[in-house]
Amino acid sequence: MTIPNHPLIASVKPLLKATGAELVAADALIAGDIPLVWEGTTIAGVRLPALHGALDRIIEGVERELGAKLSQLSRNEKQTAIRLLDERGAFTVRRAVEDVADAMGVSRITVYNYLNALHR
């Protein structure tokens, strides 16, 4: 079965691109896929990317949104980046603070300070 040309499919394509997910045909769904259902009929599905590389994908998305690499951002922009990364769950990944600090060119303490300021 192929993926139909459907308005629901068109509407999820930007989300697929932003998350690195894959669109799959309805007859190719496997456990863990998210079915796309329209009026009771599964027309396709979304296969989420593996967790491996998730932090890199989240960082790349924030960099695209802010228009620059994390290391090139101003202090205020870095604080915004930390907020976006936090909202997107980046800091639930093991060693994320260290990896984000390296990508920003700041210390772990700086990242923790930005996070603490967000959660006050």
PDB file of N, CA and C in Angstrom:
ATOM      1  N   MET A   1       0.849  -1.183   0.000  1.00  0.00           N
ATOM      2  CA  MET A   1       0.000   0.000   0.000  1.00  0.00           C
ATOM      3  C   MET A   1       0.894   1.246   0.000  1.00  0.00           C
ATOM      4  N   THR A   2       0.487   2.250  -0.707  1.00  0.00           N
ATOM      5  CA  THR A   2       1.246   3.500  -0.748  1.00  0.00           C
ATOM      6  C   THR A   2       0.611   4.524   0.185  1.00  0.00           C
ATOM      7  N   ILE A   3       1.335   5.585   0.399  1.00  0.00           N
ATOM      8  CA  ILE A   3       0.825   6.663   1.250  1.00  0.00           C
ATOM      9  C   ILE A   3      -0.058   7.559   0.382  1.00  0.00           C
ATOM     10  N   PRO A   4      -1.307   7.741   0.799  1.00  0.00           N
ATOM     11  CA  PRO A   4      -2.233   8.526  -0.038  1.00  0.00           C
ATOM     12  C   PRO A   4      -1.915  10.023   0.006  1.00  0.00           C
ATOM     13  N   ASN A   5      -2.371  10.716  -1.030  1.00  0.00           N
ATOM     14  CA  ASN A   5      -2.296  12.167  -1.052  1.00  0.00           C
ATOM     15  C   ASN A   5      -3.515  12.655  -0.271  1.00  0.00           C
ATOM     16  N   HIS A   6      -3.281  13.103   0.951  1.00  0.00           N
ATOM     17  CA  HIS A   6      -4.380  13.442   1.860  1.00  0.00           C
ATOM     18  C   HIS A   6      -4.010  14.702   2.635  1.00  0.00           C
ATOM     19  N   PRO A   7      -4.973  15.557   2.964  1.00  0.00           N
ATOM     20  CA  PRO A   7      -4.659  16.783   3.714  1.00  0.00           C
ATOM     21  C   PRO A   7      -3.975  16.512   5.063  1.00  0.00           C
ATOM     22  N   LEU A   8      -4.314  15.410   5.720  1.00  0.00           N
ATOM     23  CA  LEU A   8      -3.673  15.082   6.995  1.00  0.00           C
ATOM     24  C   LEU A   8      -2.179  14.823   6.785  1.00  0.00           C
ATOM     25  N   ILE A   9      -1.840  14.147   5.715  1.00  0.00           N
ATOM     26  CA  ILE A   9      -0.438  13.858   5.403  1.00  0.00           C
ATOM     27  C   ILE A   9       0.310  15.172   5.167  1.00  0.00           C
ATOM     28  N   ALA A  10      -0.284  16.059   4.384  1.00  0.00           N
ATOM     29  CA  ALA A  10       0.355  17.352   4.117  1.00  0.00           C
ATOM     30  C   ALA A  10       0.554  18.146   5.394  1.00  0.00           C
ATOM     31  N   SER A  11      -0.388  18.057   6.318  1.00  0.00           N
ATOM     32  CA  SER A  11      -0.292  18.851   7.546  1.00  0.00           C
ATOM     33  C   SER A  11       0.784  18.339   8.504  1.00  0.00           C
ATOM     34  N   VAL A  12       1.118  17.056   8.461  1.00  0.00           N
ATOM     35  CA  VAL A  12       2.131  16.539   9.386  1.00  0.00           C
ATOM     36  C   VAL A  12       3.554  16.586   8.815  1.00  0.00           C
ATOM     37  N   LYS A  13       3.702  16.852   7.535  1.00  0.00           N
ATOM     38  CA  LYS A  13       5.045  16.858   6.935  1.00  0.00           C
ATOM     39  C   LYS A  13       6.011  17.828   7.614  1.00  0.00           C
ATOM     40  N   PRO A  14       5.604  19.051   7.977  1.00  0.00           N
ATOM     41  CA  PRO A  14       6.555  19.922   8.686  1.00  0.00           C
ATOM     42  C   PRO A  14       6.994  19.337  10.038  1.00  0.00           C
ATOM     43  N   LEU A  15       6.091  18.654  10.717  1.00  0.00           N
ATOM     44  CA  LEU A  15       6.447  18.022  11.984  1.00  0.00           C
ATOM     45  C   LEU A  15       7.428  16.881  11.772  1.00  0.00           C
ATOM     46  N   LEU A  16       7.217  16.120  10.732  1.00  0.00           N
ATOM     47  CA  LEU A  16       8.133  15.019  10.418  1.00  0.00           C
ATOM     48  C   LEU A  16       9.533  15.550  10.161  1.00  0.00           C
ATOM     49  N   LYS A  17       9.610  16.624   9.377  1.00  0.00           N
ATOM     50  CA  LYS A  17      10.914  17.212   9.056  1.00  0.00           C
ATOM     51  C   LYS A  17      11.589  17.748  10.313  1.00  0.00           C
ATOM     52  N   ALA A  18      10.832  18.397  11.157  1.00  0.00           N
ATOM     53  CA  ALA A  18      11.402  19.010  12.366  1.00  0.00           C
ATOM     54  C   ALA A  18      11.881  17.975  13.373  1.00  0.00           C
ATOM     55  N   THR A  19      11.238  16.825  13.419  1.00  0.00           N
ATOM     56  CA  THR A  19      11.583  15.816  14.417  1.00  0.00           C
ATOM     57  C   THR A  19      12.444  14.688  13.888  1.00  0.00           C
ATOM     58  N   GLY A  20      12.592  14.603  12.572  1.00  0.00           N
ATOM     59  CA  GLY A  20      13.350  13.497  11.997  1.00  0.00           C
ATOM     60  C   GLY A  20      12.536  12.218  11.914  1.00  0.00           C
ATOM     61  N   ALA A  21      11.222  12.341  12.085  1.00  0.00           N
ATOM     62  CA  ALA A  21      10.346  11.169  12.002  1.00  0.00           C
ATOM     63  C   ALA A  21      10.123  10.795  10.539  1.00  0.00           C
ATOM     64  N   GLU A  22       9.546   9.617  10.343  1.00  0.00           N
ATOM     65  CA  GLU A  22       9.349   9.077   8.998  1.00  0.00           C
ATOM     66  C   GLU A  22       7.872   8.758   8.796  1.00  0.00           C
ATOM     67  N   LEU A  23       7.360   9.023   7.610  1.00  0.00           N
ATOM     68  CA  LEU A  23       5.995   8.671   7.248  1.00  0.00           C
ATOM     69  C   LEU A  23       5.997   7.259   6.684  1.00  0.00           C
ATOM     70  N   VAL A  24       5.089   6.417   7.172  1.00  0.00           N
ATOM     71  CA  VAL A  24       5.015   5.037   6.677  1.00  0.00           C
ATOM     72  C   VAL A  24       3.586   4.725   6.242  1.00  0.00           C
ATOM     73  N   ALA A  25       3.469   3.825   5.288  1.00  0.00           N
ATOM     74  CA  ALA A  25       2.155   3.406   4.800  1.00  0.00           C
ATOM     75  C   ALA A  25       1.396   2.680   5.903  1.00  0.00           C
ATOM     76  N   ALA A  26       0.082   2.745   5.838  1.00  0.00           N
ATOM     77  CA  ALA A  26      -0.773   2.135   6.862  1.00  0.00           C
ATOM     78  C   ALA A  26      -0.504   0.636   7.004  1.00  0.00           C
ATOM     79  N   ASP A  27      -0.224  -0.051   5.906  1.00  0.00           N
ATOM     80  CA  ASP A  27       0.004  -1.499   5.975  1.00  0.00           C
ATOM     81  C   ASP A  27       1.426  -1.855   6.417  1.00  0.00           C
ATOM     82  N   ALA A  28       2.262  -0.843   6.650  1.00  0.00           N
ATOM     83  CA  ALA A  28       3.639  -1.086   7.070  1.00  0.00           C
ATOM     84  C   ALA A  28       3.876  -0.697   8.525  1.00  0.00           C
ATOM     85  N   LEU A  29       2.816  -0.363   9.253  1.00  0.00           N
ATOM     86  CA  LEU A  29       2.953   0.036  10.653  1.00  0.00           C
ATOM     87  C   LEU A  29       3.490  -1.107  11.498  1.00  0.00           C
ATOM     88  N   ILE A  30       4.377  -0.759  12.428  1.00  0.00           N
ATOM     89  CA  ILE A  30       4.897  -1.738  13.379  1.00  0.00           C
ATOM     90  C   ILE A  30       4.659  -1.205  14.783  1.00  0.00           C
ATOM     91  N   ALA A  31       4.922  -2.019  15.788  1.00  0.00           N
ATOM     92  CA  ALA A  31       4.748  -1.599  17.183  1.00  0.00           C
ATOM     93  C   ALA A  31       5.570  -0.341  17.435  1.00  0.00           C
ATOM     94  N   GLY A  32       4.965   0.632  18.076  1.00  0.00           N
ATOM     95  CA  GLY A  32       5.627   1.881  18.381  1.00  0.00           C
ATOM     96  C   GLY A  32       5.333   2.986  17.389  1.00  0.00           C
ATOM     97  N   ASP A  33       4.840   2.642  16.194  1.00  0.00           N
ATOM     98  CA  ASP A  33       4.458   3.659  15.222  1.00  0.00           C
ATOM     99  C   ASP A  33       3.175   4.348  15.684  1.00  0.00           C
ATOM    100  N   ILE A  34       2.984   5.568  15.230  1.00  0.00           N
ATOM    101  CA  ILE A  34       1.786   6.330  15.583  1.00  0.00           C
ATOM    102  C   ILE A  34       0.873   6.365  14.362  1.00  0.00           C
ATOM    103  N   PRO A  35      -0.296   5.727  14.450  1.00  0.00           N
ATOM    104  CA  PRO A  35      -1.202   5.736  13.308  1.00  0.00           C
ATOM    105  C   PRO A  35      -1.825   7.114  13.093  1.00  0.00           C
ATOM    106  N   LEU A  36      -1.967   7.494  11.837  1.00  0.00           N
ATOM    107  CA  LEU A  36      -2.671   8.716  11.472  1.00  0.00           C
ATOM    108  C   LEU A  36      -4.067   8.305  11.019  1.00  0.00           C
ATOM    109  N   VAL A  37      -5.044   8.647  11.827  1.00  0.00           N
ATOM    110  CA  VAL A  37      -6.410   8.181  11.603  1.00  0.00           C
ATOM    111  C   VAL A  37      -7.286   9.361  11.188  1.00  0.00           C
ATOM    112  N   TRP A  38      -8.039   9.167  10.112  1.00  0.00           N
ATOM    113  CA  TRP A  38      -8.972  10.180   9.628  1.00  0.00           C
ATOM    114  C   TRP A  38     -10.341   9.537   9.494  1.00  0.00           C
ATOM    115  N   GLU A  39     -11.293  10.051  10.238  1.00  0.00           N
ATOM    116  CA  GLU A  39     -12.662   9.538  10.218  1.00  0.00           C
ATOM    117  C   GLU A  39     -12.709   8.023  10.366  1.00  0.00           C
ATOM    118  N   GLY A  40     -11.927   7.516  11.330  1.00  0.00           N
ATOM    119  CA  GLY A  40     -11.943   6.101  11.660  1.00  0.00           C
ATOM    120  C   GLY A  40     -11.082   5.205  10.790  1.00  0.00           C
ATOM    121  N   THR A  41     -10.421   5.760   9.784  1.00  0.00           N
ATOM    122  CA  THR A  41      -9.584   4.967   8.882  1.00  0.00           C
ATOM    123  C   THR A  41      -8.124   5.381   9.046  1.00  0.00           C
ATOM    124  N   THR A  42      -7.255   4.382   9.243  1.00  0.00           N
ATOM    125  CA  THR A  42      -5.817   4.652   9.319  1.00  0.00           C
ATOM    126  C   THR A  42      -5.310   4.848   7.902  1.00  0.00           C
ATOM    127  N   ILE A  43      -4.794   6.063   7.648  1.00  0.00           N
ATOM    128  CA  ILE A  43      -4.338   6.355   6.288  1.00  0.00           C
ATOM    129  C   ILE A  43      -2.822   6.270   6.133  1.00  0.00           C
ATOM    130  N   ALA A  44      -2.106   6.353   7.239  1.00  0.00           N
ATOM    131  CA  ALA A  44      -0.643   6.241   7.235  1.00  0.00           C
ATOM    132  C   ALA A  44      -0.199   6.205   8.692  1.00  0.00           C
ATOM    133  N   GLY A  45       1.103   6.298   8.893  1.00  0.00           N
ATOM    134  CA  GLY A  45       1.632   6.317  10.252  1.00  0.00           C
ATOM    135  C   GLY A  45       2.913   7.102  10.333  1.00  0.00           C
ATOM    136  N   VAL A  46       3.294   7.410  11.570  1.00  0.00           N
ATOM    137  CA  VAL A  46       4.534   8.134  11.829  1.00  0.00           C
ATOM    138  C   VAL A  46       5.449   7.213  12.614  1.00  0.00           C
ATOM    139  N   ARG A  47       6.665   7.064  12.128  1.00  0.00           N
ATOM    140  CA  ARG A  47       7.683   6.289  12.829  1.00  0.00           C
ATOM    141  C   ARG A  47       8.695   7.278  13.396  1.00  0.00           C
ATOM    142  N   LEU A  48       8.736   7.348  14.715  1.00  0.00           N
ATOM    143  CA  LEU A  48       9.641   8.280  15.385  1.00  0.00           C
ATOM    144  C   LEU A  48      11.081   7.801  15.272  1.00  0.00           C
ATOM    145  N   PRO A  49      12.027   8.734  15.252  1.00  0.00           N
ATOM    146  CA  PRO A  49      13.438   8.337  15.174  1.00  0.00           C
ATOM    147  C   PRO A  49      13.880   7.693  16.485  1.00  0.00           C
ATOM    148  N   ALA A  50      14.931   6.918  16.401  1.00  0.00           N
ATOM    149  CA  ALA A  50      15.493   6.282  17.593  1.00  0.00           C
ATOM    150  C   ALA A  50      16.010   7.347  18.548  1.00  0.00           C
ATOM    151  N   LEU A  51      16.100   7.018  19.820  1.00  0.00           N
ATOM    152  CA  LEU A  51      16.611   7.972  20.798  1.00  0.00           C
ATOM    153  C   LEU A  51      18.071   8.318  20.550  1.00  0.00           C
ATOM    154  N   HIS A  52      18.807   7.387  19.962  1.00  0.00           N
ATOM    155  CA  HIS A  52      20.209   7.669  19.654  1.00  0.00           C
ATOM    156  C   HIS A  52      20.272   8.898  18.753  1.00  0.00           C
ATOM    157  N   GLY A  53      20.983   9.916  19.184  1.00  0.00           N
ATOM    158  CA  GLY A  53      21.095  11.139  18.412  1.00  0.00           C
ATOM    159  C   GLY A  53      20.001  12.155  18.699  1.00  0.00           C
ATOM    160  N   ALA A  54      19.109  11.848  19.647  1.00  0.00           N
ATOM    161  CA  ALA A  54      17.985  12.737  19.936  1.00  0.00           C
ATOM    162  C   ALA A  54      18.457  14.121  20.366  1.00  0.00           C
ATOM    163  N   LEU A  55      19.442  14.191  21.237  1.00  0.00           N
ATOM    164  CA  LEU A  55      19.919  15.488  21.704  1.00  0.00           C
ATOM    165  C   LEU A  55      20.473  16.301  20.539  1.00  0.00           C
ATOM    166  N   ASP A  56      21.221  15.659  19.668  1.00  0.00           N
ATOM    167  CA  ASP A  56      21.762  16.372  18.499  1.00  0.00           C
ATOM    168  C   ASP A  56      20.638  16.930  17.634  1.00  0.00           C
ATOM    169  N   ARG A  57      19.572  16.149  17.439  1.00  0.00           N
ATOM    170  CA  ARG A  57      18.440  16.620  16.631  1.00  0.00           C
ATOM    171  C   ARG A  57      17.738  17.795  17.309  1.00  0.00           C
ATOM    172  N   ILE A  58      17.604  17.741  18.637  1.00  0.00           N
ATOM    173  CA  ILE A  58      16.960  18.848  19.356  1.00  0.00           C
ATOM    174  C   ILE A  58      17.817  20.104  19.240  1.00  0.00           C
ATOM    175  N   ILE A  59      19.117  19.965  19.426  1.00  0.00           N
ATOM    176  CA  ILE A  59      20.030  21.109  19.304  1.00  0.00           C
ATOM    177  C   ILE A  59      19.957  21.693  17.896  1.00  0.00           C
ATOM    178  N   GLU A  60      19.986  20.844  16.883  1.00  0.00           N
ATOM    179  CA  GLU A  60      19.921  21.321  15.496  1.00  0.00           C
ATOM    180  C   GLU A  60      18.622  22.080  15.243  1.00  0.00           C
ATOM    181  N   GLY A  61      17.517  21.612  15.804  1.00  0.00           N
ATOM    182  CA  GLY A  61      16.245  22.311  15.653  1.00  0.00           C
ATOM    183  C   GLY A  61      16.260  23.686  16.285  1.00  0.00           C
ATOM    184  N   VAL A  62      16.845  23.794  17.472  1.00  0.00           N
ATOM    185  CA  VAL A  62      16.948  25.090  18.151  1.00  0.00           C
ATOM    186  C   VAL A  62      17.880  26.015  17.363  1.00  0.00           C
ATOM    187  N   GLU A  63      18.973  25.487  16.861  1.00  0.00           N
ATOM    188  CA  GLU A  63      19.889  26.304  16.060  1.00  0.00           C
ATOM    189  C   GLU A  63      19.190  26.823  14.802  1.00  0.00           C
ATOM    190  N   ARG A  64      18.401  25.969  14.150  1.00  0.00           N
ATOM    191  CA  ARG A  64      17.645  26.420  12.967  1.00  0.00           C
ATOM    192  C   ARG A  64      16.678  27.534  13.350  1.00  0.00           C
ATOM    193  N   GLU A  65      15.988  27.326  14.462  1.00  0.00           N
ATOM    194  CA  GLU A  65      14.995  28.311  14.905  1.00  0.00           C
ATOM    195  C   GLU A  65      15.633  29.656  15.245  1.00  0.00           C
ATOM    196  N   LEU A  66      16.799  29.615  15.876  1.00  0.00           N
ATOM    197  CA  LEU A  66      17.464  30.848  16.287  1.00  0.00           C
ATOM    198  C   LEU A  66      18.394  31.406  15.208  1.00  0.00           C
ATOM    199  N   GLY A  67      18.660  30.627  14.179  1.00  0.00           N
ATOM    200  CA  GLY A  67      19.427  31.121  13.038  1.00  0.00           C
ATOM    201  C   GLY A  67      20.933  31.108  13.190  1.00  0.00           C
ATOM    202  N   ALA A  68      21.441  30.380  14.182  1.00  0.00           N
ATOM    203  CA  ALA A  68      22.894  30.325  14.369  1.00  0.00           C
ATOM    204  C   ALA A  68      23.252  29.131  15.246  1.00  0.00           C
ATOM    205  N   LYS A  69      24.516  28.732  15.174  1.00  0.00           N
ATOM    206  CA  LYS A  69      25.026  27.694  16.069  1.00  0.00           C
ATOM    207  C   LYS A  69      24.947  28.200  17.500  1.00  0.00           C
ATOM    208  N   LEU A  70      24.770  27.294  18.453  1.00  0.00           N
ATOM    209  CA  LEU A  70      24.670  27.694  19.856  1.00  0.00           C
ATOM    210  C   LEU A  70      25.876  28.510  20.303  1.00  0.00           C
ATOM    211  N   SER A  71      27.042  28.150  19.824  1.00  0.00           N
ATOM    212  CA  SER A  71      28.273  28.851  20.230  1.00  0.00           C
ATOM    213  C   SER A  71      28.336  30.281  19.720  1.00  0.00           C
ATOM    214  N   GLN A  72      27.552  30.615  18.707  1.00  0.00           N
ATOM    215  CA  GLN A  72      27.588  31.948  18.105  1.00  0.00           C
ATOM    216  C   GLN A  72      26.528  32.885  18.680  1.00  0.00           C
ATOM    217  N   LEU A  73      25.698  32.374  19.576  1.00  0.00           N
ATOM    218  CA  LEU A  73      24.603  33.174  20.123  1.00  0.00           C
ATOM    219  C   LEU A  73      25.093  34.145  21.196  1.00  0.00           C
ATOM    220  N   SER A  74      24.373  35.242  21.347  1.00  0.00           N
ATOM    221  CA  SER A  74      24.644  36.176  22.446  1.00  0.00           C
ATOM    222  C   SER A  74      24.186  35.537  23.758  1.00  0.00           C
ATOM    223  N   ARG A  75      24.520  36.180  24.860  1.00  0.00           N
ATOM    224  CA  ARG A  75      24.129  35.650  26.177  1.00  0.00           C
ATOM    225  C   ARG A  75      22.609  35.501  26.275  1.00  0.00           C
ATOM    226  N   ASN A  76      21.873  36.530  25.863  1.00  0.00           N
ATOM    227  CA  ASN A  76      20.407  36.455  25.921  1.00  0.00           C
ATOM    228  C   ASN A  76      19.869  35.360  25.010  1.00  0.00           C
ATOM    229  N   GLU A  77      20.460  35.212  23.829  1.00  0.00           N
ATOM    230  CA  GLU A  77      20.031  34.165  22.900  1.00  0.00           C
ATOM    231  C   GLU A  77      20.351  32.778  23.464  1.00  0.00           C
ATOM    232  N   LYS A  78      21.474  32.653  24.167  1.00  0.00           N
ATOM    233  CA  LYS A  78      21.811  31.365  24.794  1.00  0.00           C
ATOM    234  C   LYS A  78      20.791  31.021  25.875  1.00  0.00           C
ATOM    235  N   GLN A  79      20.334  32.013  26.620  1.00  0.00           N
ATOM    236  CA  GLN A  79      19.304  31.773  27.627  1.00  0.00           C
ATOM    237  C   GLN A  79      18.002  31.334  26.956  1.00  0.00           C
ATOM    238  N   THR A  80      17.681  31.952  25.827  1.00  0.00           N
ATOM    239  CA  THR A  80      16.505  31.533  25.057  1.00  0.00           C
ATOM    240  C   THR A  80      16.680  30.106  24.560  1.00  0.00           C
ATOM    241  N   ALA A  81      17.876  29.785  24.078  1.00  0.00           N
ATOM    242  CA  ALA A  81      18.158  28.430  23.594  1.00  0.00           C
ATOM    243  C   ALA A  81      17.987  27.412  24.722  1.00  0.00           C
ATOM    244  N   ILE A  82      18.461  27.738  25.915  1.00  0.00           N
ATOM    245  CA  ILE A  82      18.306  26.827  27.054  1.00  0.00           C
ATOM    246  C   ILE A  82      16.829  26.610  27.350  1.00  0.00           C
ATOM    247  N   ARG A  83      16.038  27.683  27.298  1.00  0.00           N
ATOM    248  CA  ARG A  83      14.593  27.552  27.530  1.00  0.00           C
ATOM    249  C   ARG A  83      13.964  26.624  26.489  1.00  0.00           C
ATOM    250  N   LEU A  84      14.307  26.828  25.210  1.00  0.00           N
ATOM    251  CA  LEU A  84      13.759  25.983  24.149  1.00  0.00           C
ATOM    252  C   LEU A  84      14.201  24.529  24.308  1.00  0.00           C
ATOM    253  N   LEU A  85      15.470  24.325  24.606  1.00  0.00           N
ATOM    254  CA  LEU A  85      15.977  22.967  24.816  1.00  0.00           C
ATOM    255  C   LEU A  85      15.253  22.295  25.983  1.00  0.00           C
ATOM    256  N   ASP A  86      15.044  23.043  27.049  1.00  0.00           N
ATOM    257  CA  ASP A  86      14.352  22.512  28.219  1.00  0.00           C
ATOM    258  C   ASP A  86      12.908  22.157  27.875  1.00  0.00           C
ATOM    259  N   GLU A  87      12.216  23.038  27.155  1.00  0.00           N
ATOM    260  CA  GLU A  87      10.828  22.783  26.754  1.00  0.00           C
ATOM    261  C   GLU A  87      10.721  21.544  25.876  1.00  0.00           C
ATOM    262  N   ARG A  88      11.751  21.261  25.116  1.00  0.00           N
ATOM    263  CA  ARG A  88      11.727  20.124  24.186  1.00  0.00           C
ATOM    264  C   ARG A  88      12.293  18.848  24.798  1.00  0.00           C
ATOM    265  N   GLY A  89      12.603  18.904  26.094  1.00  0.00           N
ATOM    266  CA  GLY A  89      13.028  17.705  26.800  1.00  0.00           C
ATOM    267  C   GLY A  89      14.481  17.339  26.655  1.00  0.00           C
ATOM    268  N   ALA A  90      15.299  18.247  26.175  1.00  0.00           N
ATOM    269  CA  ALA A  90      16.711  17.939  25.937  1.00  0.00           C
ATOM    270  C   ALA A  90      17.421  17.496  27.207  1.00  0.00           C
ATOM    271  N   PHE A  91      17.058  18.059  28.342  1.00  0.00           N
ATOM    272  CA  PHE A  91      17.805  17.792  29.560  1.00  0.00           C
ATOM    273  C   PHE A  91      17.355  16.511  30.275  1.00  0.00           C
ATOM    274  N   THR A  92      16.481  15.765  29.621  1.00  0.00           N
ATOM    275  CA  THR A  92      16.151  14.434  30.143  1.00  0.00           C
ATOM    276  C   THR A  92      17.129  13.386  29.621  1.00  0.00           C
ATOM    277  N   VAL A  93      17.925  13.778  28.643  1.00  0.00           N
ATOM    278  CA  VAL A  93      18.916  12.880  28.055  1.00  0.00           C
ATOM    279  C   VAL A  93      20.178  12.904  28.913  1.00  0.00           C
ATOM    280  N   ARG A  94      20.730  11.726  29.153  1.00  0.00           N
ATOM    281  CA  ARG A  94      21.941  11.611  29.962  1.00  0.00           C
ATOM    282  C   ARG A  94      23.076  12.445  29.371  1.00  0.00           C
ATOM    283  N   ARG A  95      23.793  13.170  30.217  1.00  0.00           N
ATOM    284  CA  ARG A  95      24.927  14.019  29.866  1.00  0.00           C
ATOM    285  C   ARG A  95      24.539  15.229  29.024  1.00  0.00           C
ATOM    286  N   ALA A  96      23.264  15.578  28.980  1.00  0.00           N
ATOM    287  CA  ALA A  96      22.815  16.689  28.139  1.00  0.00           C
ATOM    288  C   ALA A  96      23.432  18.015  28.565  1.00  0.00           C
ATOM    289  N   VAL A  97      23.511  18.262  29.871  1.00  0.00           N
ATOM    290  CA  VAL A  97      24.069  19.543  30.330  1.00  0.00           C
ATOM    291  C   VAL A  97      25.498  19.694  29.819  1.00  0.00           C
ATOM    292  N   GLU A  98      26.287  18.650  29.943  1.00  0.00           N
ATOM    293  CA  GLU A  98      27.669  18.705  29.480  1.00  0.00           C
ATOM    294  C   GLU A  98      27.744  18.913  27.969  1.00  0.00           C
ATOM    295  N   ASP A  99      26.911  18.182  27.225  1.00  0.00           N
ATOM    296  CA  ASP A  99      26.937  18.290  25.763  1.00  0.00           C
ATOM    297  C   ASP A  99      26.456  19.662  25.294  1.00  0.00           C
ATOM    298  N   VAL A 100      25.424  20.198  25.934  1.00  0.00           N
ATOM    299  CA  VAL A 100      24.936  21.531  25.575  1.00  0.00           C
ATOM    300  C   VAL A 100      25.986  22.581  25.930  1.00  0.00           C
ATOM    301  N   ALA A 101      26.607  22.446  27.080  1.00  0.00           N
ATOM    302  CA  ALA A 101      27.659  23.388  27.474  1.00  0.00           C
ATOM    303  C   ALA A 101      28.785  23.391  26.438  1.00  0.00           C
ATOM    304  N   ASP A 102      29.190  22.211  25.993  1.00  0.00           N
ATOM    305  CA  ASP A 102      30.235  22.117  24.964  1.00  0.00           C
ATOM    306  C   ASP A 102      29.786  22.790  23.667  1.00  0.00           C
ATOM    307  N   ALA A 103      28.533  22.543  23.260  1.00  0.00           N
ATOM    308  CA  ALA A 103      28.023  23.132  22.016  1.00  0.00           C
ATOM    309  C   ALA A 103      27.929  24.651  22.108  1.00  0.00           C
ATOM    310  N   MET A 104      27.672  25.165  23.310  1.00  0.00           N
ATOM    311  CA  MET A 104      27.549  26.612  23.507  1.00  0.00           C
ATOM    312  C   MET A 104      28.893  27.293  23.749  1.00  0.00           C
ATOM    313  N   GLY A 105      29.876  26.510  24.157  1.00  0.00           N
ATOM    314  CA  GLY A 105      31.155  27.099  24.511  1.00  0.00           C
ATOM    315  C   GLY A 105      31.124  27.769  25.872  1.00  0.00           C
ATOM    316  N   VAL A 106      30.311  27.202  26.774  1.00  0.00           N
ATOM    317  CA  VAL A 106      30.214  27.720  28.146  1.00  0.00           C
ATOM    318  C   VAL A 106      30.451  26.562  29.110  1.00  0.00           C
ATOM    319  N   SER A 107      30.500  26.876  30.396  1.00  0.00           N
ATOM    320  CA  SER A 107      30.701  25.831  31.396  1.00  0.00           C
ATOM    321  C   SER A 107      29.373  25.157  31.756  1.00  0.00           C
ATOM    322  N   ARG A 108      29.471  23.991  32.374  1.00  0.00           N
ATOM    323  CA  ARG A 108      28.277  23.301  32.890  1.00  0.00           C
ATOM    324  C   ARG A 108      27.561  24.185  33.893  1.00  0.00           C
ATOM    325  N   ILE A 109      28.335  24.875  34.704  1.00  0.00           N
ATOM    326  CA  ILE A 109      27.764  25.749  35.732  1.00  0.00           C
ATOM    327  C   ILE A 109      26.882  26.821  35.082  1.00  0.00           C
ATOM    328  N   THR A 110      27.327  27.364  33.957  1.00  0.00           N
ATOM    329  CA  THR A 110      26.526  28.372  33.252  1.00  0.00           C
ATOM    330  C   THR A 110      25.199  27.787  32.803  1.00  0.00           C
ATOM    331  N   VAL A 111      25.231  26.595  32.234  1.00  0.00           N
ATOM    332  CA  VAL A 111      23.990  25.944  31.795  1.00  0.00           C
ATOM    333  C   VAL A 111      23.084  25.707  33.003  1.00  0.00           C
ATOM    334  N   TYR A 112      23.645  25.192  34.099  1.00  0.00           N
ATOM    335  CA  TYR A 112      22.839  24.996  35.310  1.00  0.00           C
ATOM    336  C   TYR A 112      22.263  26.316  35.818  1.00  0.00           C
ATOM    337  N   ASN A 113      23.034  27.394  35.756  1.00  0.00           N
ATOM    338  CA  ASN A 113      22.528  28.702  36.193  1.00  0.00           C
ATOM    339  C   ASN A 113      21.358  29.157  35.310  1.00  0.00           C
ATOM    340  N   TYR A 114      21.479  28.976  34.003  1.00  0.00           N
ATOM    341  CA  TYR A 114      20.381  29.337  33.097  1.00  0.00           C
ATOM    342  C   TYR A 114      19.141  28.495  33.408  1.00  0.00           C
ATOM    343  N   LEU A 115      19.333  27.205  33.639  1.00  0.00           N
ATOM    344  CA  LEU A 115      18.202  26.325  33.972  1.00  0.00           C
ATOM    345  C   LEU A 115      17.564  26.724  35.298  1.00  0.00           C
ATOM    346  N   ASN A 116      18.398  27.010  36.292  1.00  0.00           N
ATOM    347  CA  ASN A 116      17.868  27.419  37.609  1.00  0.00           C
ATOM    348  C   ASN A 116      17.061  28.722  37.476  1.00  0.00           C
ATOM    349  N   ALA A 117      17.518  29.641  36.661  1.00  0.00           N
ATOM    350  CA  ALA A 117      16.781  30.895  36.463  1.00  0.00           C
ATOM    351  C   ALA A 117      15.418  30.636  35.834  1.00  0.00           C
ATOM    352  N   LEU A 118      15.338  29.649  34.967  1.00  0.00           N
ATOM    353  CA  LEU A 118      14.056  29.298  34.335  1.00  0.00           C
ATOM    354  C   LEU A 118      13.054  28.726  35.322  1.00  0.00           C
ATOM    355  N   HIS A 119      13.553  27.965  36.279  1.00  0.00           N
ATOM    356  CA  HIS A 119      12.675  27.191  37.163  1.00  0.00           C
ATOM    357  C   HIS A 119      12.434  27.855  38.502  1.00  0.00           C
ATOM    358  N   ARG A 120      12.779  29.104  38.645  1.00  0.00           N
ATOM    359  CA  ARG A 120      12.521  29.825  39.898  1.00  0.00           C
ATOM    360  C   ARG A 120      11.094  30.206  40.011  1.00  0.00           C
TER     361      ARG A 120
END
